[in-house]
Amino acid sequence: MQTHKSLWPKDPSLRRKEISLEFRGNTFVSHMVAPSESAGPRPLVLVIHNYQGLKGFDVDVAEYLARVGYVGFAIDMYGLDVPADERDFPADAAQIMPFQKKCFDAMVKLDHDHELFRAVFENLINVGLAEPCCDASRAPAAIGYCFGGMAVIEGVRGGLNLGGVVSFHGLLQTGEDPSPSRFGAERPPLKPCPNQYNTQSIIRIENGAEDHLVTDENRQRFFAEMDAAGVDWSFQDHAKTPHGFALPPRLGPPGKLHEAADRRSTQNMLSLLRELYPDVAQTPVSPNAAGTSIP
């Protein structure tokens, strides 16, 4: 995974753990960061990567959440389909197309098989809650970027144990990439399954107003679906903001950081976490994992 200079002063009290899950012939290796042991069990917040797979940025987000006061759990949704040392955007131009195809193949494997998608996610939730640093008496939260944003919404559709979710520039419908032949990735037949909406969960969408992957038709269909299901949602459009606005440039071309939108969407995420867990004091932390200053 990509390494970089730490964004924050070293904190040896933070607890870090690599957690493996063997599931349906695949191995998923996730990374947990928790506050100091003296803090006691804290609510779990899962972090789901963009289409590249779990990488250093996602672990940084988990650390940011731990510094704020929660247990951050950067989960691996791809496993061996995109090996851990092959998730950074290649510097060699000749490797870009093979890299893109590999990542999109792994994404399509999940988002075209809704039962598998939800099953992987649910097992990772359960693995995280089993850790003693987590307060398993409370439904966890989940946040996700791009593919991960689509994933957290799919978790609510699947009735998973989630108190609230935040999608950062995520697709609103699962398995409906508007570019069906993107990078040569094969599109298998879509395998939907019945929805069992978690109506106790809250969905917060942080969207770039200029995101080419989220049309007005996507929005209206999402609004109608969630209203019919009785799911509590809010939708924030950020002006003049593209897809990928919360991802730093160090990720390569997918990172199109828009600092104002990233700052405001981070604050909106923290607001939701305060609503879900009002007794957990948030420690002010700046910058966030993308390097954006947070007041």
Protein backbone atom coordinates (compact mmCIF):
# COMPACT_ATOMS: atom_id res chain seq x y z
CA MET A 1 0.00 0.00 0.00
CA GLN A 2 1.04 3.57 -0.71
CA THR A 3 2.95 5.20 2.12
CA HIS A 4 3.28 8.91 2.88
CA LYS A 5 4.26 11.23 5.66
CA SER A 6 1.85 11.03 8.59
CA LEU A 7 -0.84 13.69 8.58
CA TRP A 8 -0.91 13.94 12.39
CA PRO A 9 1.53 13.85 15.33
CA LYS A 10 2.37 10.30 16.39
CA ASP A 11 -0.02 8.88 18.96
CA PRO A 12 1.33 5.62 20.47
CA SER A 13 -1.89 5.13 22.46
CA LEU A 14 -3.86 4.29 19.30
CA ARG A 15 -4.47 0.57 18.88
CA ARG A 16 -4.01 -0.95 15.43
CA LYS A 17 -4.95 -4.40 14.24
CA GLU A 18 -5.00 -6.29 10.96
CA ILE A 19 -8.07 -8.53 10.78
CA SER A 20 -8.52 -11.37 8.27
CA LEU A 21 -11.78 -12.91 7.12
CA GLU A 22 -11.97 -16.16 5.15
CA PHE A 23 -15.25 -16.21 3.25
CA ARG A 24 -16.43 -18.16 0.22
CA GLY A 25 -12.95 -19.01 -0.98
CA ASN A 26 -11.56 -15.51 -0.63
CA THR A 27 -9.39 -13.82 2.00
CA PHE A 28 -10.24 -10.27 3.09
CA VAL A 29 -7.67 -8.36 5.15
CA SER A 30 -8.99 -5.25 6.88
CA HIS A 31 -7.39 -2.69 9.19
CA MET A 32 -8.79 -1.43 12.50
CA VAL A 33 -7.64 1.64 14.43
CA ALA A 34 -9.08 2.26 17.90
CA PRO A 35 -8.61 4.94 20.58
CA SER A 36 -6.54 4.16 23.65
CA GLU A 37 -7.58 1.26 25.87
CA SER A 38 -8.53 3.73 28.60
CA ALA A 39 -11.33 5.04 26.36
CA GLY A 40 -13.20 1.76 26.72
CA PRO A 41 -15.40 0.24 24.00
CA ARG A 42 -16.42 2.77 21.35
CA PRO A 43 -18.90 2.74 18.45
CA LEU A 44 -17.64 1.12 15.27
CA VAL A 45 -17.41 3.12 12.03
CA LEU A 46 -16.61 1.09 8.91
CA VAL A 47 -14.73 2.71 6.03
CA ILE A 48 -15.22 1.36 2.50
CA HIS A 49 -12.75 2.06 -0.27
CA ASN A 50 -13.28 3.37 -3.79
CA TYR A 51 -13.02 1.12 -6.87
CA GLN A 52 -9.25 0.68 -6.37
CA GLY A 53 -9.65 -1.42 -3.23
CA LEU A 54 -8.41 -0.95 0.34
CA LYS A 55 -5.25 1.17 0.43
CA GLY A 56 -3.33 3.60 2.62
CA PHE A 57 -5.86 6.43 2.35
CA ASP A 58 -8.66 4.23 3.72
CA VAL A 59 -6.50 3.25 6.70
CA ASP A 60 -5.81 6.95 7.22
CA VAL A 61 -9.57 7.58 7.34
CA ALA A 62 -9.87 4.84 9.98
CA GLU A 63 -7.11 6.55 11.97
CA TYR A 64 -8.81 9.93 11.62
CA LEU A 65 -12.02 8.43 13.05
CA ALA A 66 -10.08 6.83 15.91
CA ARG A 67 -8.48 10.16 16.76
CA VAL A 68 -11.95 11.75 16.77
CA GLY A 69 -13.16 9.09 19.24
CA TYR A 70 -14.58 6.09 17.35
CA VAL A 71 -13.21 2.73 16.25
CA GLY A 72 -12.27 3.14 12.59
CA PHE A 73 -12.40 -0.06 10.55
CA ALA A 74 -11.12 0.15 6.97
CA ILE A 75 -12.60 -2.95 5.38
CA ASP A 76 -11.42 -4.93 2.37
CA MET A 77 -14.30 -5.75 0.04
CA TYR A 78 -12.17 -7.24 -2.77
CA GLY A 79 -9.84 -9.65 -1.01
CA LEU A 80 -7.49 -11.50 -3.34
CA ASP A 81 -9.33 -10.26 -6.44
CA VAL A 82 -7.13 -7.15 -6.20
CA PRO A 83 -4.01 -8.06 -4.19
CA ALA A 84 -3.01 -5.62 -1.45
CA ASP A 85 0.17 -4.55 -3.23
CA GLU A 86 -1.65 -3.82 -6.50
CA ARG A 87 -4.19 -1.17 -5.43
CA ASP A 88 -2.19 2.01 -5.95
CA PHE A 89 -2.63 3.82 -9.25
CA PRO A 90 0.38 2.89 -11.44
CA ALA A 91 3.00 5.44 -12.37
CA ASP A 92 3.82 3.45 -15.52
CA ALA A 93 1.34 4.44 -18.23
CA ALA A 94 1.54 0.97 -19.77
CA GLN A 95 0.11 -0.53 -16.58
CA ILE A 96 -2.91 1.78 -16.27
CA MET A 97 -5.33 -0.17 -18.47
CA PRO A 98 -4.56 -3.57 -16.85
CA PHE A 99 -4.88 -1.92 -13.43
CA GLN A 100 -8.23 -0.36 -14.30
CA LYS A 101 -9.59 -3.61 -15.70
CA LYS A 102 -8.52 -5.58 -12.63
CA CYS A 103 -10.18 -3.11 -10.25
CA PHE A 104 -13.38 -2.82 -12.27
CA ASP A 105 -13.61 -6.61 -12.61
CA ALA A 106 -13.49 -6.87 -8.80
CA MET A 107 -16.12 -4.15 -8.43
CA VAL A 108 -18.46 -5.73 -10.97
CA LYS A 109 -18.14 -9.13 -9.27
CA LEU A 110 -19.80 -7.55 -6.23
CA ASP A 111 -22.14 -4.92 -7.57
CA HIS A 112 -23.69 -7.33 -10.08
CA ASP A 113 -24.35 -9.99 -7.40
CA HIS A 114 -26.31 -8.26 -4.67
CA GLU A 115 -26.47 -11.29 -2.36
CA LEU A 116 -22.68 -11.70 -2.45
CA PHE A 117 -22.17 -7.96 -2.00
CA ARG A 118 -24.36 -7.87 1.11
CA ALA A 119 -22.95 -11.11 2.51
CA VAL A 120 -19.34 -9.90 2.34
CA PHE A 121 -20.34 -6.59 3.94
CA GLU A 122 -22.38 -8.26 6.70
CA ASN A 123 -19.56 -10.64 7.62
CA LEU A 124 -17.10 -7.75 7.86
CA ILE A 125 -19.51 -5.85 10.12
CA ASN A 126 -19.73 -8.88 12.40
CA VAL A 127 -15.95 -9.39 12.42
CA GLY A 128 -15.50 -5.77 13.47
CA LEU A 129 -18.12 -5.85 16.21
CA ALA A 130 -16.48 -8.96 17.69
CA GLU A 131 -13.39 -6.93 18.66
CA PRO A 132 -13.33 -5.97 22.38
CA CYS A 133 -12.54 -2.32 21.56
CA CYS A 134 -15.95 -2.02 19.85
CA ASP A 135 -19.24 -1.32 21.59
CA ALA A 136 -21.26 -4.15 20.07
CA SER A 137 -24.43 -2.97 21.83
CA ARG A 138 -24.77 -0.15 19.29
CA ALA A 139 -25.40 -0.43 15.57
CA PRO A 140 -22.24 0.68 13.77
CA ALA A 141 -21.99 3.42 11.17
CA ALA A 142 -20.39 3.11 7.74
CA ILE A 143 -18.90 5.59 5.32
CA GLY A 144 -17.73 4.97 1.78
CA TYR A 145 -16.12 6.64 -1.20
CA CYS A 146 -17.35 6.11 -4.80
CA PHE A 147 -17.79 2.32 -4.89
CA GLY A 148 -17.84 2.45 -1.09
CA GLY A 149 -20.62 5.02 -1.16
CA MET A 150 -22.68 2.68 -3.29
CA ALA A 151 -21.81 -0.12 -0.84
CA VAL A 152 -23.12 1.63 2.27
CA ILE A 153 -26.45 2.35 0.54
CA GLU A 154 -26.62 -1.30 -0.52
CA GLY A 155 -26.09 -2.25 3.12
CA VAL A 156 -29.20 -0.29 4.09
CA ARG A 157 -31.16 -1.92 1.24
CA GLY A 158 -30.03 -5.31 2.54
CA GLY A 159 -31.23 -4.62 6.08
CA LEU A 160 -27.73 -4.85 7.55
CA ASN A 161 -26.94 -3.78 11.10
CA LEU A 162 -26.11 -0.12 10.41
CA GLY A 163 -27.23 2.86 12.47
CA GLY A 164 -26.31 5.38 9.80
CA VAL A 165 -24.24 5.66 6.63
CA VAL A 166 -22.51 8.39 4.64
CA SER A 167 -21.86 8.12 0.91
CA PHE A 168 -19.13 10.37 -0.49
CA HIS A 169 -19.64 10.72 -4.28
CA GLY A 170 -21.12 7.23 -4.49
CA LEU A 171 -23.43 5.82 -7.13
CA LEU A 172 -27.05 5.75 -5.95
CA GLN A 173 -28.05 2.49 -7.65
CA THR A 174 -26.07 -0.75 -7.48
CA GLY A 175 -24.63 -2.32 -10.61
CA GLU A 176 -25.69 0.48 -12.93
CA ASP A 177 -22.36 1.92 -14.07
CA PRO A 178 -23.23 4.20 -17.01
CA SER A 179 -20.14 2.96 -18.88
CA PRO A 180 -20.88 -0.78 -19.28
CA SER A 181 -17.68 -1.57 -21.20
CA ARG A 182 -15.40 0.51 -19.02
CA PHE A 183 -11.76 -0.60 -19.34
CA GLY A 184 -12.78 -3.92 -20.88
CA ALA A 185 -14.35 -5.20 -17.66
CA GLU A 186 -16.92 -7.86 -18.46
CA ARG A 187 -20.45 -7.24 -17.21
CA PRO A 188 -22.13 -10.47 -16.06
CA PRO A 189 -25.93 -10.63 -15.79
CA LEU A 190 -27.22 -8.56 -12.89
CA LYS A 191 -28.30 -10.76 -9.96
CA PRO A 192 -30.54 -8.68 -7.69
CA CYS A 193 -32.13 -10.01 -4.52
CA PRO A 194 -35.09 -8.85 -2.43
CA ASN A 195 -34.54 -5.67 -0.44
CA GLN A 196 -35.04 -5.72 3.32
CA TYR A 197 -34.54 -2.04 4.08
CA ASN A 198 -33.17 -1.11 7.47
CA THR A 199 -35.64 1.64 8.33
CA GLN A 200 -33.78 2.36 11.58
CA SER A 201 -30.75 3.51 9.59
CA ILE A 202 -30.06 7.06 8.37
CA ILE A 203 -28.57 7.68 4.92
CA ARG A 204 -26.57 10.83 4.24
CA ILE A 205 -25.46 11.50 0.66
CA GLU A 206 -22.58 13.89 -0.01
CA ASN A 207 -22.61 14.47 -3.77
CA GLY A 208 -20.77 16.71 -6.21
CA ALA A 209 -23.24 18.81 -8.18
CA GLU A 210 -21.11 18.16 -11.28
CA ASP A 211 -20.71 14.40 -10.71
CA HIS A 212 -21.17 12.87 -14.17
CA LEU A 213 -22.07 9.50 -12.61
CA VAL A 214 -25.12 10.83 -10.75
CA THR A 215 -27.83 12.18 -13.02
CA ASP A 216 -31.06 13.90 -12.04
CA GLU A 217 -32.86 10.67 -12.99
CA ASN A 218 -30.61 8.77 -10.55
CA ARG A 219 -31.45 11.26 -7.82
CA GLN A 220 -35.21 11.17 -8.37
CA ARG A 221 -35.27 7.37 -8.49
CA PHE A 222 -33.25 7.18 -5.26
CA PHE A 223 -35.53 9.68 -3.49
CA ALA A 224 -38.66 7.79 -4.54
CA GLU A 225 -37.20 4.42 -3.55
CA MET A 226 -36.16 5.49 -0.06
CA ASP A 227 -39.39 7.40 0.59
CA ALA A 228 -41.42 4.33 -0.41
CA ALA A 229 -39.27 2.15 1.86
CA GLY A 230 -39.55 4.56 4.82
CA VAL A 231 -35.79 5.19 5.06
CA ASP A 232 -34.58 8.48 6.57
CA TRP A 233 -32.25 10.24 4.11
CA SER A 234 -30.65 13.58 3.33
CA PHE A 235 -28.91 14.64 0.14
CA GLN A 236 -26.28 17.38 -0.10
CA ASP A 237 -25.15 18.70 -3.48
CA HIS A 238 -21.83 20.59 -3.38
CA ALA A 239 -21.60 23.38 -5.95
CA LYS A 240 -19.18 23.10 -8.89
CA THR A 241 -17.85 19.85 -7.45
CA PRO A 242 -16.86 16.74 -9.46
CA HIS A 243 -16.85 13.04 -8.75
CA GLY A 244 -13.96 12.07 -6.44
CA PHE A 245 -14.04 15.36 -4.49
CA ALA A 246 -13.13 13.75 -1.14
CA LEU A 247 -10.11 11.82 -2.43
CA PRO A 248 -6.59 13.32 -2.23
CA PRO A 249 -4.31 13.73 -5.26
CA ARG A 250 -1.92 11.13 -3.84
CA LEU A 251 -4.37 8.46 -5.03
CA GLY A 252 -3.66 9.40 -8.64
CA PRO A 253 -6.32 10.46 -11.19
CA PRO A 254 -9.27 9.23 -9.03
CA GLY A 255 -8.33 11.89 -6.46
CA LYS A 256 -10.05 15.12 -7.44
CA LEU A 257 -9.97 16.83 -4.07
CA HIS A 258 -12.30 19.83 -3.75
CA GLU A 259 -11.37 21.23 -0.36
CA ALA A 260 -14.54 23.20 0.37
CA ALA A 261 -16.76 20.21 -0.43
CA ASP A 262 -14.46 17.83 1.44
CA ARG A 263 -14.46 20.09 4.50
CA ARG A 264 -18.23 20.51 4.55
CA SER A 265 -18.95 16.85 3.88
CA THR A 266 -16.56 15.81 6.66
CA GLN A 267 -18.38 18.14 9.04
CA ASN A 268 -21.71 16.66 7.92
CA MET A 269 -20.36 13.17 8.62
CA LEU A 270 -19.25 14.22 12.10
CA SER A 271 -22.68 15.72 12.71
CA LEU A 272 -24.36 12.42 11.86
CA LEU A 273 -22.00 10.53 14.17
CA ARG A 274 -22.88 12.94 17.00
CA GLU A 275 -26.56 12.26 16.31
CA LEU A 276 -26.03 8.49 16.38
CA TYR A 277 -23.76 8.45 19.44
CA PRO A 278 -24.57 11.61 21.45
CA ASP A 279 -22.69 10.46 24.55
CA VAL A 280 -19.36 10.05 22.72
CA ALA A 281 -17.34 13.26 22.88
CA GLN A 282 -15.60 14.09 19.61
CA THR A 283 -12.00 15.23 19.79
CA PRO A 284 -11.30 17.97 17.23
CA VAL A 285 -8.83 16.65 14.64
CA SER A 286 -7.36 18.60 11.74
CA PRO A 287 -6.58 17.89 8.98
CA ASN A 288 -8.77 14.97 7.90
CA ALA A 289 -7.34 12.01 6.02
CA ALA A 290 -7.36 13.87 2.69
CA GLY A 291 -5.29 16.66 4.23
CA THR A 292 -8.18 19.15 4.37
CA SER A 293 -8.30 21.57 7.30
CA ILE A 294 -11.33 20.89 9.54
CA PRO A 295 -12.42 23.78 11.83
